[in-house]
Amino acid sequence: MAGFSSIMSEFQTTGEAEGYDAWFRAKVETAMTSTEPGIPHDQVMAMVQEIIEQNRPR
């Protein structure tokens, strides 16, 4: 990874960044080739809102 700068990255090393990149690409590939039905946008947004509400400081 040419020009790697830990100042501009959340990773401490090039190896950490490359490891994350490989993991992320594998997750995307799995999702793109999945034959399972998708979740409607409105349903996902409702699920996220519920998580936000559950974790909101009281």
C-alpha atoms as a PDB file:
ATOM      1  CA  MET A   1       0.000   0.000   0.000  1.00  0.00           C
ATOM      2  CA  ALA A   2       2.016   2.907  -1.291  1.00  0.00           C
ATOM      3  CA  GLY A   3       1.955   6.120   0.667  1.00  0.00           C
ATOM      4  CA  PHE A   4       0.360   4.612   3.783  1.00  0.00           C
ATOM      5  CA  SER A   5       0.095   7.179   6.551  1.00  0.00           C
ATOM      6  CA  SER A   6      -1.183   6.235   9.999  1.00  0.00           C
ATOM      7  CA  ILE A   7      -2.039   9.917  10.467  1.00  0.00           C
ATOM      8  CA  MET A   8      -4.765   9.581   7.836  1.00  0.00           C
ATOM      9  CA  SER A   9      -5.870   6.096   8.794  1.00  0.00           C
ATOM     10  CA  GLU A  10      -7.574   4.482  11.773  1.00  0.00           C
ATOM     11  CA  PHE A  11      -5.115   1.592  11.445  1.00  0.00           C
ATOM     12  CA  GLN A  12      -1.716   1.524  13.074  1.00  0.00           C
ATOM     13  CA  THR A  13       0.021  -0.485  10.352  1.00  0.00           C
ATOM     14  CA  THR A  14      -0.238  -1.255   6.676  1.00  0.00           C
ATOM     15  CA  GLY A  15      -0.906  -4.876   7.620  1.00  0.00           C
ATOM     16  CA  GLU A  16      -3.928  -3.900   9.717  1.00  0.00           C
ATOM     17  CA  ALA A  17      -5.298  -1.789   6.868  1.00  0.00           C
ATOM     18  CA  GLU A  18      -4.748  -4.560   4.329  1.00  0.00           C
ATOM     19  CA  GLY A  19      -6.344  -7.121   6.644  1.00  0.00           C
ATOM     20  CA  TYR A  20      -9.416  -4.949   7.083  1.00  0.00           C
ATOM     21  CA  ASP A  21      -9.603  -4.330   3.341  1.00  0.00           C
ATOM     22  CA  ALA A  22      -9.532  -8.078   2.637  1.00  0.00           C
ATOM     23  CA  TRP A  23     -12.216  -8.735   5.276  1.00  0.00           C
ATOM     24  CA  PHE A  24     -14.417  -5.934   3.936  1.00  0.00           C
ATOM     25  CA  ARG A  25     -14.072  -7.068   0.330  1.00  0.00           C
ATOM     26  CA  ALA A  26     -15.025 -10.627   1.324  1.00  0.00           C
ATOM     27  CA  LYS A  27     -18.139  -9.340   3.128  1.00  0.00           C
ATOM     28  CA  VAL A  28     -19.167  -7.284   0.088  1.00  0.00           C
ATOM     29  CA  GLU A  29     -18.582 -10.231  -2.256  1.00  0.00           C
ATOM     30  CA  THR A  30     -20.692 -12.488  -0.020  1.00  0.00           C
ATOM     31  CA  ALA A  31     -23.509  -9.938   0.062  1.00  0.00           C
ATOM     32  CA  MET A  32     -23.416  -9.371  -3.682  1.00  0.00           C
ATOM     33  CA  THR A  33     -23.619 -13.081  -4.485  1.00  0.00           C
ATOM     34  CA  SER A  34     -26.258 -13.877  -1.873  1.00  0.00           C
ATOM     35  CA  THR A  35     -29.507 -15.351  -3.114  1.00  0.00           C
ATOM     36  CA  GLU A  36     -31.385 -14.496   0.075  1.00  0.00           C
ATOM     37  CA  PRO A  37     -34.141 -11.892  -0.319  1.00  0.00           C
ATOM     38  CA  GLY A  38     -33.198  -8.331   0.553  1.00  0.00           C
ATOM     39  CA  ILE A  39     -34.697  -6.347   3.414  1.00  0.00           C
ATOM     40  CA  PRO A  40     -36.867  -3.386   2.382  1.00  0.00           C
ATOM     41  CA  HIS A  41     -35.337   0.022   3.101  1.00  0.00           C
ATOM     42  CA  ASP A  42     -38.175   1.118   5.382  1.00  0.00           C
ATOM     43  CA  GLN A  43     -37.778  -2.020   7.495  1.00  0.00           C
ATOM     44  CA  VAL A  44     -34.019  -1.479   7.849  1.00  0.00           C
ATOM     45  CA  MET A  45     -34.548   2.156   8.821  1.00  0.00           C
ATOM     46  CA  ALA A  46     -37.087   1.130  11.471  1.00  0.00           C
ATOM     47  CA  MET A  47     -34.620  -1.424  12.864  1.00  0.00           C
ATOM     48  CA  VAL A  48     -31.845   1.184  13.010  1.00  0.00           C
ATOM     49  CA  GLN A  49     -34.140   3.720  14.688  1.00  0.00           C
ATOM     50  CA  GLU A  50     -35.027   1.143  17.332  1.00  0.00           C
ATOM     51  CA  ILE A  51     -31.328   0.536  18.039  1.00  0.00           C
ATOM     52  CA  ILE A  52     -30.739   4.285  18.311  1.00  0.00           C
ATOM     53  CA  GLU A  53     -33.642   4.680  20.726  1.00  0.00           C
ATOM     54  CA  GLN A  54     -32.465   1.771  22.885  1.00  0.00           C
ATOM     55  CA  ASN A  55     -28.991   3.294  23.169  1.00  0.00           C
ATOM     56  CA  ARG A  56     -29.992   6.926  23.640  1.00  0.00           C
ATOM     57  CA  PRO A  57     -28.852   8.318  27.000  1.00  0.00           C
ATOM     58  CA  ARG A  58     -31.755   8.680  29.380  1.00  0.00           C
END
